[in-house]
Amino acid sequence: KKQSALMASLPMDNETVLAGYSSIPSEEDQANKTEAKLKRFRIALMVLLATVALCFIFIVLLISGVFANNENASSTDSSNQLLVEQPDLPMPYGVNFGSWLSLEDYFFVGDRGAVEVATPTNGVKAAQCLPPLNLDQAWFSETDLFQQLCETQGISYAIRTFQAYRVSYMDLGHELTTIASLGIERVRVPMSWCLTAYDPS
């Protein structure tokens, strides 16, 4: 009775009842809404995955670029270090064949140090040899050495000693070719006064 009275008190006409029934979604509508939600979820997931992939690619490229820059910097530093250690100096225009045709005692001082004492007044004999034949004769000048050899071994031995030294000084054919290939155009050859002195007596 109470329920009947409550129902009777509500304004229930046919239009209201139909409207109430029409507001309840059907199973097809619910399926469509669920499908739409799933579609939006799939799109959002694909966008997220694409963003993550792009970020990963960017990070890989960034790291690769950093390492490449470090390697380039290292190679540049190494190149600069080599340039410092081995500077690109200009090639000289000429070269000197010192102590070949004019003996200079400081070329043959051995372990005594490169000092020139080519004077007969102090008695010091700086040069210790004249390879390849004279390995133990000390001397202070070309004239001094030649005189010593003549007095102790004879003039023939003295001439052979000087000749052996001058022909073994260098391989002229090879050395001159090498010098020319380097762009060196002039050669200085100091000569002993003995080679040009004229003494009829």
N, C-alpha and C. Protein backbone atom coordinates (compact mmCIF):
# COMPACT_ATOMS: atom_id res chain seq x y z
N LYS A 1 0.83 -1.20 0.00
CA LYS A 1 0.00 0.00 0.00
C LYS A 1 0.86 1.25 0.00
N LYS A 2 1.92 1.25 0.84
CA LYS A 2 2.79 2.43 0.88
C LYS A 2 3.45 2.64 -0.47
N GLN A 3 3.91 1.53 -1.14
CA GLN A 3 4.56 1.66 -2.45
C GLN A 3 3.58 2.17 -3.48
N SER A 4 2.34 1.71 -3.42
CA SER A 4 1.33 2.18 -4.37
C SER A 4 1.05 3.63 -4.17
N ALA A 5 1.01 4.05 -2.90
CA ALA A 5 0.76 5.46 -2.61
C ALA A 5 1.92 6.31 -3.12
N LEU A 6 3.16 5.80 -2.96
CA LEU A 6 4.34 6.57 -3.43
C LEU A 6 4.32 6.66 -4.94
N MET A 7 4.01 5.59 -5.60
CA MET A 7 3.96 5.62 -7.05
C MET A 7 2.88 6.54 -7.54
N ALA A 8 1.75 6.57 -6.81
CA ALA A 8 0.64 7.42 -7.22
C ALA A 8 0.98 8.88 -7.04
N SER A 9 1.90 9.17 -6.09
CA SER A 9 2.23 10.58 -5.84
C SER A 9 3.21 11.12 -6.88
N LEU A 10 3.94 10.26 -7.62
CA LEU A 10 4.88 10.72 -8.64
C LEU A 10 4.16 11.05 -9.93
N PRO A 11 4.58 12.12 -10.56
CA PRO A 11 3.94 12.50 -11.83
C PRO A 11 4.45 11.59 -12.93
N MET A 12 3.78 10.54 -13.21
CA MET A 12 4.23 9.56 -14.18
C MET A 12 3.31 9.58 -15.38
N ASP A 13 3.74 10.21 -16.43
CA ASP A 13 2.98 10.13 -17.67
C ASP A 13 3.77 9.30 -18.67
N ASN A 14 3.24 9.03 -19.78
CA ASN A 14 3.88 8.16 -20.79
C ASN A 14 5.18 8.74 -21.35
N GLU A 15 5.24 10.07 -21.50
CA GLU A 15 6.43 10.71 -22.07
C GLU A 15 7.63 10.60 -21.11
N THR A 16 7.30 10.75 -19.80
CA THR A 16 8.37 10.66 -18.81
C THR A 16 8.93 9.25 -18.76
N VAL A 17 8.08 8.30 -18.81
CA VAL A 17 8.52 6.89 -18.79
C VAL A 17 9.35 6.58 -20.00
N LEU A 18 8.94 7.03 -21.17
CA LEU A 18 9.70 6.78 -22.40
C LEU A 18 11.07 7.47 -22.38
N ALA A 19 11.06 8.67 -21.82
CA ALA A 19 12.33 9.41 -21.74
C ALA A 19 13.31 8.69 -20.82
N GLY A 20 12.78 8.13 -19.75
CA GLY A 20 13.65 7.40 -18.82
C GLY A 20 14.24 6.17 -19.46
N TYR A 21 13.44 5.48 -20.21
CA TYR A 21 13.95 4.30 -20.90
C TYR A 21 14.96 4.66 -21.98
N SER A 22 14.73 5.79 -22.66
CA SER A 22 15.64 6.16 -23.76
C SER A 22 16.99 6.62 -23.26
N SER A 23 17.09 7.06 -22.00
CA SER A 23 18.38 7.53 -21.46
C SER A 23 19.29 6.37 -21.05
N ILE A 24 18.83 5.20 -20.96
CA ILE A 24 19.64 4.03 -20.61
C ILE A 24 20.38 3.57 -21.86
N PRO A 25 21.77 3.55 -21.85
CA PRO A 25 22.52 3.17 -23.06
C PRO A 25 22.33 1.70 -23.40
N SER A 26 22.30 1.46 -24.65
CA SER A 26 22.16 0.08 -25.11
C SER A 26 23.53 -0.59 -25.11
N GLU A 27 23.55 -1.89 -25.29
CA GLU A 27 24.82 -2.63 -25.33
C GLU A 27 25.68 -2.21 -26.52
N GLU A 28 25.07 -1.87 -27.61
CA GLU A 28 25.81 -1.43 -28.79
C GLU A 28 26.53 -0.11 -28.54
N ASP A 29 25.79 0.82 -27.85
CA ASP A 29 26.42 2.11 -27.52
C ASP A 29 27.61 1.90 -26.59
N GLN A 30 27.41 1.05 -25.59
CA GLN A 30 28.51 0.79 -24.66
C GLN A 30 29.72 0.17 -25.39
N ALA A 31 29.48 -0.71 -26.32
CA ALA A 31 30.56 -1.33 -27.08
C ALA A 31 31.29 -0.29 -27.93
N ASN A 32 30.48 0.65 -28.51
CA ASN A 32 31.10 1.70 -29.33
C ASN A 32 31.98 2.62 -28.49
N LYS A 33 31.48 2.96 -27.28
CA LYS A 33 32.26 3.82 -26.40
C LYS A 33 33.55 3.12 -25.95
N THR A 34 33.42 1.85 -25.63
CA THR A 34 34.61 1.09 -25.22
C THR A 34 35.63 1.02 -26.36
N GLU A 35 35.14 0.80 -27.57
CA GLU A 35 36.02 0.74 -28.73
C GLU A 35 36.71 2.08 -28.97
N ALA A 36 35.99 3.18 -28.78
CA ALA A 36 36.57 4.52 -28.95
C ALA A 36 37.66 4.77 -27.91
N LYS A 37 37.40 4.35 -26.66
CA LYS A 37 38.41 4.52 -25.61
C LYS A 37 39.67 3.71 -25.94
N LEU A 38 39.47 2.46 -26.40
CA LEU A 38 40.62 1.64 -26.76
C LEU A 38 41.41 2.25 -27.91
N LYS A 39 40.69 2.84 -28.86
CA LYS A 39 41.35 3.48 -30.00
C LYS A 39 42.19 4.66 -29.55
N ARG A 40 41.62 5.49 -28.65
CA ARG A 40 42.37 6.63 -28.13
C ARG A 40 43.60 6.16 -27.34
N PHE A 41 43.44 5.06 -26.59
CA PHE A 41 44.54 4.51 -25.80
C PHE A 41 45.66 4.02 -26.71
N ARG A 42 45.26 3.33 -27.81
CA ARG A 42 46.27 2.85 -28.76
C ARG A 42 47.03 4.01 -29.38
N ILE A 43 46.33 5.07 -29.75
CA ILE A 43 46.99 6.23 -30.36
C ILE A 43 47.96 6.88 -29.38
N ALA A 44 47.51 7.03 -28.12
CA ALA A 44 48.37 7.64 -27.11
C ALA A 44 49.61 6.78 -26.86
N LEU A 45 49.41 5.44 -26.86
CA LEU A 45 50.54 4.54 -26.64
C LEU A 45 51.53 4.61 -27.80
N MET A 46 51.03 4.69 -29.02
CA MET A 46 51.91 4.79 -30.18
C MET A 46 52.71 6.09 -30.16
N VAL A 47 52.06 7.19 -29.79
CA VAL A 47 52.75 8.48 -29.69
C VAL A 47 53.84 8.42 -28.63
N LEU A 48 53.53 7.77 -27.49
CA LEU A 48 54.50 7.64 -26.42
C LEU A 48 55.71 6.83 -26.87
N LEU A 49 55.45 5.68 -27.53
CA LEU A 49 56.55 4.84 -28.00
C LEU A 49 57.41 5.57 -29.04
N ALA A 50 56.75 6.31 -29.94
CA ALA A 50 57.51 7.07 -30.94
C ALA A 50 58.39 8.13 -30.28
N THR A 51 57.85 8.79 -29.25
CA THR A 51 58.63 9.80 -28.54
C THR A 51 59.84 9.19 -27.85
N VAL A 52 59.61 8.02 -27.20
CA VAL A 52 60.72 7.34 -26.54
C VAL A 52 61.79 6.94 -27.55
N ALA A 53 61.37 6.42 -28.72
CA ALA A 53 62.32 6.00 -29.75
C ALA A 53 63.13 7.19 -30.25
N LEU A 54 62.47 8.32 -30.49
CA LEU A 54 63.17 9.51 -30.95
C LEU A 54 64.17 10.01 -29.91
N CYS A 55 63.77 9.97 -28.64
CA CYS A 55 64.69 10.38 -27.56
C CYS A 55 65.91 9.47 -27.51
N PHE A 56 65.69 8.16 -27.69
CA PHE A 56 66.79 7.20 -27.68
C PHE A 56 67.76 7.47 -28.83
N ILE A 57 67.19 7.70 -30.02
CA ILE A 57 68.04 7.99 -31.19
C ILE A 57 68.84 9.27 -30.97
N PHE A 58 68.19 10.28 -30.42
CA PHE A 58 68.87 11.55 -30.15
C PHE A 58 70.02 11.38 -29.18
N ILE A 59 69.79 10.58 -28.11
CA ILE A 59 70.84 10.36 -27.11
C ILE A 59 72.02 9.62 -27.74
N VAL A 60 71.72 8.60 -28.59
CA VAL A 60 72.79 7.85 -29.24
C VAL A 60 73.62 8.76 -30.14
N LEU A 61 72.94 9.61 -30.93
CA LEU A 61 73.65 10.53 -31.81
C LEU A 61 74.48 11.53 -31.01
N LEU A 62 73.93 11.98 -29.90
CA LEU A 62 74.64 12.95 -29.06
C LEU A 62 75.91 12.33 -28.48
N ILE A 63 75.78 11.10 -27.95
CA ILE A 63 76.95 10.43 -27.39
C ILE A 63 77.99 10.16 -28.47
N SER A 64 77.54 9.73 -29.65
CA SER A 64 78.47 9.48 -30.75
C SER A 64 79.21 10.75 -31.13
N GLY A 65 78.50 11.86 -31.18
CA GLY A 65 79.12 13.14 -31.51
C GLY A 65 80.14 13.56 -30.48
N VAL A 66 79.85 13.31 -29.21
CA VAL A 66 80.79 13.68 -28.14
C VAL A 66 82.07 12.88 -28.26
N PHE A 67 81.91 11.54 -28.49
CA PHE A 67 83.10 10.71 -28.62
C PHE A 67 83.90 11.09 -29.86
N ALA A 68 83.19 11.39 -30.94
CA ALA A 68 83.89 11.79 -32.16
C ALA A 68 84.67 13.07 -31.94
N ASN A 69 84.06 14.03 -31.24
CA ASN A 69 84.75 15.28 -30.95
C ASN A 69 85.97 15.04 -30.08
N ASN A 70 85.83 14.12 -29.11
CA ASN A 70 86.97 13.81 -28.24
C ASN A 70 88.11 13.19 -29.03
N GLU A 71 87.75 12.27 -29.96
CA GLU A 71 88.78 11.65 -30.78
C GLU A 71 89.45 12.67 -31.67
N ASN A 72 88.64 13.58 -32.27
CA ASN A 72 89.22 14.61 -33.11
C ASN A 72 90.13 15.51 -32.30
N ALA A 73 89.68 15.83 -31.09
CA ALA A 73 90.50 16.69 -30.23
C ALA A 73 91.80 15.99 -29.86
N SER A 74 91.70 14.67 -29.59
CA SER A 74 92.91 13.93 -29.24
C SER A 74 93.87 13.88 -30.41
N SER A 75 93.31 13.61 -31.62
CA SER A 75 94.18 13.55 -32.79
C SER A 75 94.77 14.92 -33.09
N THR A 76 93.98 15.98 -32.87
CA THR A 76 94.50 17.33 -33.08
C THR A 76 95.61 17.64 -32.09
N ASP A 77 95.40 17.23 -30.82
CA ASP A 77 96.43 17.45 -29.81
C ASP A 77 97.70 16.69 -30.18
N SER A 78 97.50 15.43 -30.65
CA SER A 78 98.66 14.64 -31.04
C SER A 78 99.39 15.29 -32.21
N SER A 79 98.60 15.79 -33.19
CA SER A 79 99.20 16.45 -34.34
C SER A 79 99.96 17.70 -33.91
N ASN A 80 99.33 18.47 -33.00
CA ASN A 80 100.00 19.68 -32.52
C ASN A 80 101.27 19.32 -31.77
N GLN A 81 101.21 18.22 -30.99
CA GLN A 81 102.40 17.80 -30.25
C GLN A 81 103.51 17.40 -31.21
N LEU A 82 103.13 16.68 -32.30
CA LEU A 82 104.13 16.30 -33.28
C LEU A 82 104.73 17.53 -33.96
N LEU A 83 103.86 18.54 -34.23
CA LEU A 83 104.37 19.75 -34.86
C LEU A 83 105.35 20.47 -33.93
N VAL A 84 105.05 20.42 -32.64
CA VAL A 84 105.95 21.05 -31.69
C VAL A 84 107.26 20.29 -31.61
N GLU A 85 107.16 18.94 -31.60
CA GLU A 85 108.36 18.13 -31.49
C GLU A 85 109.15 18.11 -32.79
N GLN A 86 108.46 18.16 -33.94
CA GLN A 86 109.12 18.12 -35.22
C GLN A 86 108.65 19.29 -36.08
N PRO A 87 109.17 20.48 -35.84
CA PRO A 87 108.71 21.65 -36.58
C PRO A 87 109.06 21.55 -38.06
N ASP A 88 108.24 22.13 -38.89
CA ASP A 88 108.45 22.11 -40.33
C ASP A 88 109.39 23.26 -40.68
N LEU A 89 110.67 23.00 -40.54
CA LEU A 89 111.67 24.03 -40.77
C LEU A 89 112.00 24.14 -42.26
N PRO A 90 112.32 25.34 -42.74
CA PRO A 90 112.68 25.48 -44.15
C PRO A 90 114.02 24.80 -44.44
N MET A 91 114.13 24.23 -45.62
CA MET A 91 115.36 23.56 -46.02
C MET A 91 116.42 24.61 -46.36
N PRO A 92 117.65 24.43 -45.87
CA PRO A 92 118.70 25.42 -46.19
C PRO A 92 119.05 25.39 -47.68
N TYR A 93 119.60 26.48 -48.15
CA TYR A 93 119.99 26.56 -49.56
C TYR A 93 121.30 25.83 -49.83
N GLY A 94 122.13 25.68 -48.79
CA GLY A 94 123.43 25.06 -48.99
C GLY A 94 123.82 24.17 -47.83
N VAL A 95 124.86 23.36 -48.05
CA VAL A 95 125.36 22.47 -47.01
C VAL A 95 126.89 22.50 -47.05
N ASN A 96 127.52 22.23 -45.90
CA ASN A 96 128.96 22.32 -45.77
C ASN A 96 129.58 20.93 -45.63
N PHE A 97 130.59 20.62 -46.46
CA PHE A 97 131.34 19.38 -46.31
C PHE A 97 132.56 19.67 -45.44
N GLY A 98 132.30 19.90 -44.15
CA GLY A 98 133.37 20.28 -43.24
C GLY A 98 134.34 19.15 -42.96
N SER A 99 135.60 19.52 -42.82
CA SER A 99 136.69 18.61 -42.44
C SER A 99 136.85 17.45 -43.43
N TRP A 100 136.60 17.72 -44.70
CA TRP A 100 136.83 16.70 -45.72
C TRP A 100 138.18 16.95 -46.42
N LEU A 101 138.28 18.06 -47.14
CA LEU A 101 139.53 18.41 -47.81
C LEU A 101 140.39 19.36 -46.99
N SER A 102 139.86 19.76 -45.85
CA SER A 102 140.65 20.57 -44.91
C SER A 102 140.33 20.04 -43.51
N LEU A 103 141.27 19.31 -42.94
CA LEU A 103 141.01 18.66 -41.66
C LEU A 103 140.86 19.70 -40.54
N GLU A 104 139.88 19.44 -39.69
CA GLU A 104 139.65 20.29 -38.52
C GLU A 104 139.64 19.37 -37.30
N ASP A 105 140.53 19.66 -36.38
CA ASP A 105 140.77 18.70 -35.30
C ASP A 105 139.55 18.44 -34.44
N TYR A 106 138.65 19.41 -34.28
CA TYR A 106 137.51 19.20 -33.38
C TYR A 106 136.49 18.20 -33.93
N PHE A 107 136.64 17.80 -35.20
CA PHE A 107 135.78 16.73 -35.74
C PHE A 107 136.20 15.36 -35.20
N PHE A 108 137.38 15.26 -34.62
CA PHE A 108 137.93 13.96 -34.27
C PHE A 108 138.36 13.89 -32.81
N VAL A 109 137.69 14.65 -31.96
CA VAL A 109 138.09 14.69 -30.55
C VAL A 109 137.58 13.51 -29.75
N GLY A 110 136.62 12.76 -30.29
CA GLY A 110 136.08 11.62 -29.56
C GLY A 110 135.31 12.06 -28.33
N ASP A 111 135.59 11.46 -27.20
CA ASP A 111 134.87 11.77 -25.96
C ASP A 111 135.39 13.01 -25.25
N ARG A 112 136.38 13.65 -25.78
CA ARG A 112 136.98 14.79 -25.09
C ARG A 112 136.17 16.07 -25.24
N GLY A 113 135.22 16.09 -26.18
CA GLY A 113 134.40 17.28 -26.36
C GLY A 113 134.82 18.07 -27.59
N ALA A 114 133.86 18.77 -28.18
CA ALA A 114 134.10 19.49 -29.43
C ALA A 114 134.76 20.83 -29.15
N VAL A 115 136.08 20.82 -29.05
CA VAL A 115 136.84 22.05 -28.83
C VAL A 115 137.91 22.15 -29.90
N GLU A 116 138.15 23.35 -30.35
CA GLU A 116 139.16 23.56 -31.38
C GLU A 116 140.42 24.11 -30.74
N VAL A 117 141.49 23.38 -30.90
CA VAL A 117 142.77 23.82 -30.35
C VAL A 117 143.86 23.66 -31.41
N ALA A 118 143.54 24.02 -32.64
CA ALA A 118 144.47 23.83 -33.76
C ALA A 118 145.54 24.92 -33.74
N THR A 119 146.42 24.81 -32.80
CA THR A 119 147.56 25.74 -32.72
C THR A 119 148.75 24.99 -32.14
N PRO A 120 149.93 25.14 -32.74
CA PRO A 120 151.10 24.39 -32.27
C PRO A 120 151.75 24.98 -31.03
N THR A 121 151.25 26.11 -30.53
CA THR A 121 151.95 26.79 -29.44
C THR A 121 151.65 26.18 -28.08
N ASN A 122 150.47 25.61 -27.89
CA ASN A 122 150.14 25.11 -26.55
C ASN A 122 150.41 23.62 -26.38
N GLY A 123 150.75 22.94 -27.46
CA GLY A 123 151.11 21.53 -27.35
C GLY A 123 149.95 20.58 -27.16
N VAL A 124 148.70 21.07 -27.13
CA VAL A 124 147.53 20.20 -26.93
C VAL A 124 147.12 19.60 -28.26
N LYS A 125 146.93 18.31 -28.26
CA LYS A 125 146.49 17.61 -29.47
C LYS A 125 145.05 17.12 -29.22
N ALA A 126 144.08 17.87 -29.76
CA ALA A 126 142.68 17.55 -29.51
C ALA A 126 142.22 16.33 -30.30
N ALA A 127 142.59 16.27 -31.59
CA ALA A 127 142.15 15.16 -32.42
C ALA A 127 142.84 13.87 -31.99
N GLN A 128 142.11 12.77 -32.00
CA GLN A 128 142.62 11.49 -31.51
C GLN A 128 142.79 10.45 -32.60
N CYS A 129 142.32 10.74 -33.83
CA CYS A 129 142.38 9.73 -34.88
C CYS A 129 142.12 10.39 -36.23
N LEU A 130 142.26 9.58 -37.30
CA LEU A 130 141.81 9.95 -38.64
C LEU A 130 141.40 8.65 -39.33
N PRO A 131 140.15 8.27 -39.16
CA PRO A 131 139.71 6.97 -39.68
C PRO A 131 139.75 6.96 -41.22
N PRO A 132 139.87 5.77 -41.82
CA PRO A 132 139.79 4.45 -41.18
C PRO A 132 141.16 3.86 -40.81
N LEU A 133 142.29 4.45 -41.23
CA LEU A 133 143.59 3.83 -40.97
C LEU A 133 144.24 4.32 -39.69
N ASN A 134 144.18 5.59 -39.43
CA ASN A 134 144.85 6.15 -38.25
C ASN A 134 143.85 6.24 -37.10
N LEU A 135 143.96 5.31 -36.15
CA LEU A 135 142.98 5.25 -35.06
C LEU A 135 143.57 5.60 -33.70
N ASP A 136 144.86 5.87 -33.64
CA ASP A 136 145.45 6.15 -32.32
C ASP A 136 146.52 7.25 -32.36
N GLN A 137 146.57 8.02 -33.43
CA GLN A 137 147.57 9.09 -33.55
C GLN A 137 146.91 10.42 -33.23
N ALA A 138 147.33 11.07 -32.14
CA ALA A 138 146.77 12.37 -31.76
C ALA A 138 147.41 13.48 -32.59
N TRP A 139 146.67 14.51 -32.91
CA TRP A 139 147.20 15.61 -33.73
C TRP A 139 146.38 16.88 -33.49
N PHE A 140 146.96 18.03 -33.84
CA PHE A 140 146.27 19.30 -33.64
C PHE A 140 146.04 20.06 -34.94
N SER A 141 146.62 19.57 -36.05
CA SER A 141 146.40 20.21 -37.35
C SER A 141 146.70 19.21 -38.45
N GLU A 142 146.26 19.52 -39.65
CA GLU A 142 146.51 18.63 -40.78
C GLU A 142 148.01 18.50 -41.05
N THR A 143 148.71 19.62 -40.98
CA THR A 143 150.16 19.60 -41.21
C THR A 143 150.87 18.78 -40.14
N ASP A 144 150.41 18.94 -38.89
CA ASP A 144 151.01 18.19 -37.77
C ASP A 144 150.83 16.69 -37.97
N LEU A 145 149.63 16.28 -38.34
CA LEU A 145 149.36 14.84 -38.52
C LEU A 145 150.20 14.29 -39.67
N PHE A 146 150.25 15.00 -40.79
CA PHE A 146 151.00 14.51 -41.95
C PHE A 146 152.48 14.38 -41.61
N GLN A 147 153.00 15.34 -40.89
CA GLN A 147 154.41 15.29 -40.51
C GLN A 147 154.69 14.12 -39.58
N GLN A 148 153.79 13.89 -38.61
CA GLN A 148 153.99 12.77 -37.68
C GLN A 148 153.98 11.44 -38.42
N LEU A 149 153.03 11.29 -39.34
CA LEU A 149 152.92 10.03 -40.09
C LEU A 149 154.15 9.82 -40.98
N CYS A 150 154.61 10.89 -41.57
CA CYS A 150 155.80 10.77 -42.41
C CYS A 150 157.01 10.34 -41.58
N GLU A 151 157.17 10.88 -40.39
CA GLU A 151 158.32 10.59 -39.55
C GLU A 151 158.24 9.19 -38.95
N THR A 152 157.04 8.71 -38.64
CA THR A 152 156.91 7.42 -37.96
C THR A 152 156.61 6.27 -38.91
N GLN A 153 155.88 6.52 -40.01
CA GLN A 153 155.44 5.44 -40.89
C GLN A 153 155.94 5.60 -42.33
N GLY A 154 156.43 6.76 -42.66
CA GLY A 154 156.89 7.00 -44.02
C GLY A 154 155.85 7.77 -44.82
N ILE A 155 156.31 8.43 -45.87
CA ILE A 155 155.44 9.30 -46.66
C ILE A 155 154.36 8.51 -47.39
N SER A 156 154.67 7.30 -47.86
CA SER A 156 153.66 6.49 -48.56
C SER A 156 152.48 6.17 -47.64
N TYR A 157 152.80 5.80 -46.40
CA TYR A 157 151.72 5.51 -45.45
C TYR A 157 150.92 6.77 -45.14
N ALA A 158 151.59 7.90 -45.01
CA ALA A 158 150.91 9.16 -44.74
C ALA A 158 149.93 9.49 -45.86
N ILE A 159 150.38 9.32 -47.11
CA ILE A 159 149.51 9.62 -48.25
C ILE A 159 148.32 8.65 -48.27
N ARG A 160 148.60 7.34 -48.03
CA ARG A 160 147.50 6.37 -48.02
C ARG A 160 146.50 6.67 -46.91
N THR A 161 146.96 7.14 -45.75
CA THR A 161 146.07 7.47 -44.63
C THR A 161 145.12 8.60 -45.01
N PHE A 162 145.67 9.65 -45.62
CA PHE A 162 144.83 10.76 -46.03
C PHE A 162 143.87 10.37 -47.15
N GLN A 163 144.39 9.59 -48.11
CA GLN A 163 143.56 9.17 -49.23
C GLN A 163 142.41 8.28 -48.76
N ALA A 164 142.70 7.36 -47.84
CA ALA A 164 141.66 6.46 -47.33
C ALA A 164 140.57 7.25 -46.61
N TYR A 165 141.00 8.25 -45.87
CA TYR A 165 139.99 9.07 -45.16
C TYR A 165 139.11 9.83 -46.15
N ARG A 166 139.72 10.43 -47.17
CA ARG A 166 138.94 11.30 -48.06
C ARG A 166 138.01 10.51 -48.97
N VAL A 167 138.39 9.29 -49.35
CA VAL A 167 137.48 8.50 -50.21
C VAL A 167 136.38 7.83 -49.39
N SER A 168 136.59 7.69 -48.07
CA SER A 168 135.55 7.07 -47.22
C SER A 168 134.71 8.11 -46.49
N TYR A 169 135.02 9.38 -46.69
CA TYR A 169 134.29 10.46 -46.01
C TYR A 169 132.79 10.35 -46.31
N MET A 170 132.44 10.07 -47.56
CA MET A 170 131.04 9.89 -47.96
C MET A 170 131.00 9.28 -49.34
N ASP A 171 129.84 8.76 -49.69
CA ASP A 171 129.60 8.25 -51.04
C ASP A 171 129.10 9.43 -51.87
N LEU A 172 130.00 10.02 -52.64
CA LEU A 172 129.66 11.27 -53.33
C LEU A 172 128.45 11.13 -54.25
N GLY A 173 128.40 10.04 -55.02
CA GLY A 173 127.28 9.87 -55.94
C GLY A 173 125.95 9.83 -55.22
N HIS A 174 125.89 9.05 -54.15
CA HIS A 174 124.64 8.92 -53.39
C HIS A 174 124.33 10.20 -52.63
N GLU A 175 125.33 10.76 -51.95
CA GLU A 175 125.10 11.94 -51.12
C GLU A 175 124.69 13.15 -51.96
N LEU A 176 125.35 13.37 -53.09
CA LEU A 176 125.00 14.52 -53.93
C LEU A 176 123.60 14.37 -54.51
N THR A 177 123.21 13.15 -54.85
CA THR A 177 121.85 12.92 -55.35
C THR A 177 120.83 13.21 -54.26
N THR A 178 121.12 12.76 -53.04
CA THR A 178 120.21 13.02 -51.92
C THR A 178 120.11 14.51 -51.63
N ILE A 179 121.23 15.19 -51.63
CA ILE A 179 121.24 16.64 -51.38
C ILE A 179 120.40 17.37 -52.42
N ALA A 180 120.58 17.00 -53.70
CA ALA A 180 119.82 17.65 -54.77
C ALA A 180 118.33 17.36 -54.63
N SER A 181 117.96 16.13 -54.23
CA SER A 181 116.55 15.78 -54.09
C SER A 181 115.88 16.55 -52.97
N LEU A 182 116.66 17.03 -52.00
CA LEU A 182 116.11 17.82 -50.89
C LEU A 182 115.95 19.29 -51.27
N GLY A 183 116.40 19.65 -52.46
CA GLY A 183 116.28 21.04 -52.90
C GLY A 183 117.46 21.90 -52.51
N ILE A 184 118.51 21.29 -51.98
CA ILE A 184 119.72 22.05 -51.62
C ILE A 184 120.54 22.27 -52.89
N GLU A 185 120.88 23.53 -53.17
CA GLU A 185 121.48 23.88 -54.44
C GLU A 185 122.97 24.21 -54.36
N ARG A 186 123.48 24.44 -53.16
CA ARG A 186 124.88 24.85 -53.04
C ARG A 186 125.61 23.96 -52.04
N VAL A 187 126.88 23.68 -52.33
CA VAL A 187 127.73 22.89 -51.46
C VAL A 187 129.02 23.68 -51.19
N ARG A 188 129.33 23.84 -49.92
CA ARG A 188 130.58 24.51 -49.53
C ARG A 188 131.61 23.45 -49.19
N VAL A 189 132.80 23.55 -49.83
CA VAL A 189 133.85 22.57 -49.61
C VAL A 189 135.12 23.31 -49.16
N PRO A 190 135.35 23.40 -47.85
CA PRO A 190 136.61 24.01 -47.38
C PRO A 190 137.82 23.19 -47.84
N MET A 191 138.87 23.87 -48.28
CA MET A 191 140.06 23.18 -48.77
C MET A 191 141.29 23.65 -48.00
N SER A 192 142.21 22.73 -47.82
CA SER A 192 143.45 23.04 -47.13
C SER A 192 144.33 23.93 -48.00
N TRP A 193 145.06 24.81 -47.35
CA TRP A 193 145.98 25.66 -48.10
C TRP A 193 147.05 24.82 -48.79
N CYS A 194 147.25 23.60 -48.27
CA CYS A 194 148.27 22.74 -48.87
C CYS A 194 147.93 22.37 -50.32
N LEU A 195 146.66 22.35 -50.65
CA LEU A 195 146.22 21.92 -51.98
C LEU A 195 146.47 22.99 -53.03
N THR A 196 146.66 24.22 -52.59
CA THR A 196 146.83 25.31 -53.56
C THR A 196 148.16 26.04 -53.38
N ALA A 197 148.89 25.73 -52.33
CA ALA A 197 150.16 26.43 -52.10
C ALA A 197 151.19 26.03 -53.16
N TYR A 198 151.99 27.00 -53.59
CA TYR A 198 153.04 26.73 -54.60
C TYR A 198 154.39 27.04 -53.98
N ASP A 199 155.21 26.01 -53.89
CA ASP A 199 156.52 26.17 -53.31
C ASP A 199 157.53 25.41 -54.18
N PRO A 200 158.16 26.10 -55.14
CA PRO A 200 159.11 25.41 -56.06
C PRO A 200 160.23 24.69 -55.34
N SER A 201 160.61 25.16 -54.15
CA SER A 201 161.74 24.52 -53.47
C SER A 201 161.30 23.23 -52.81
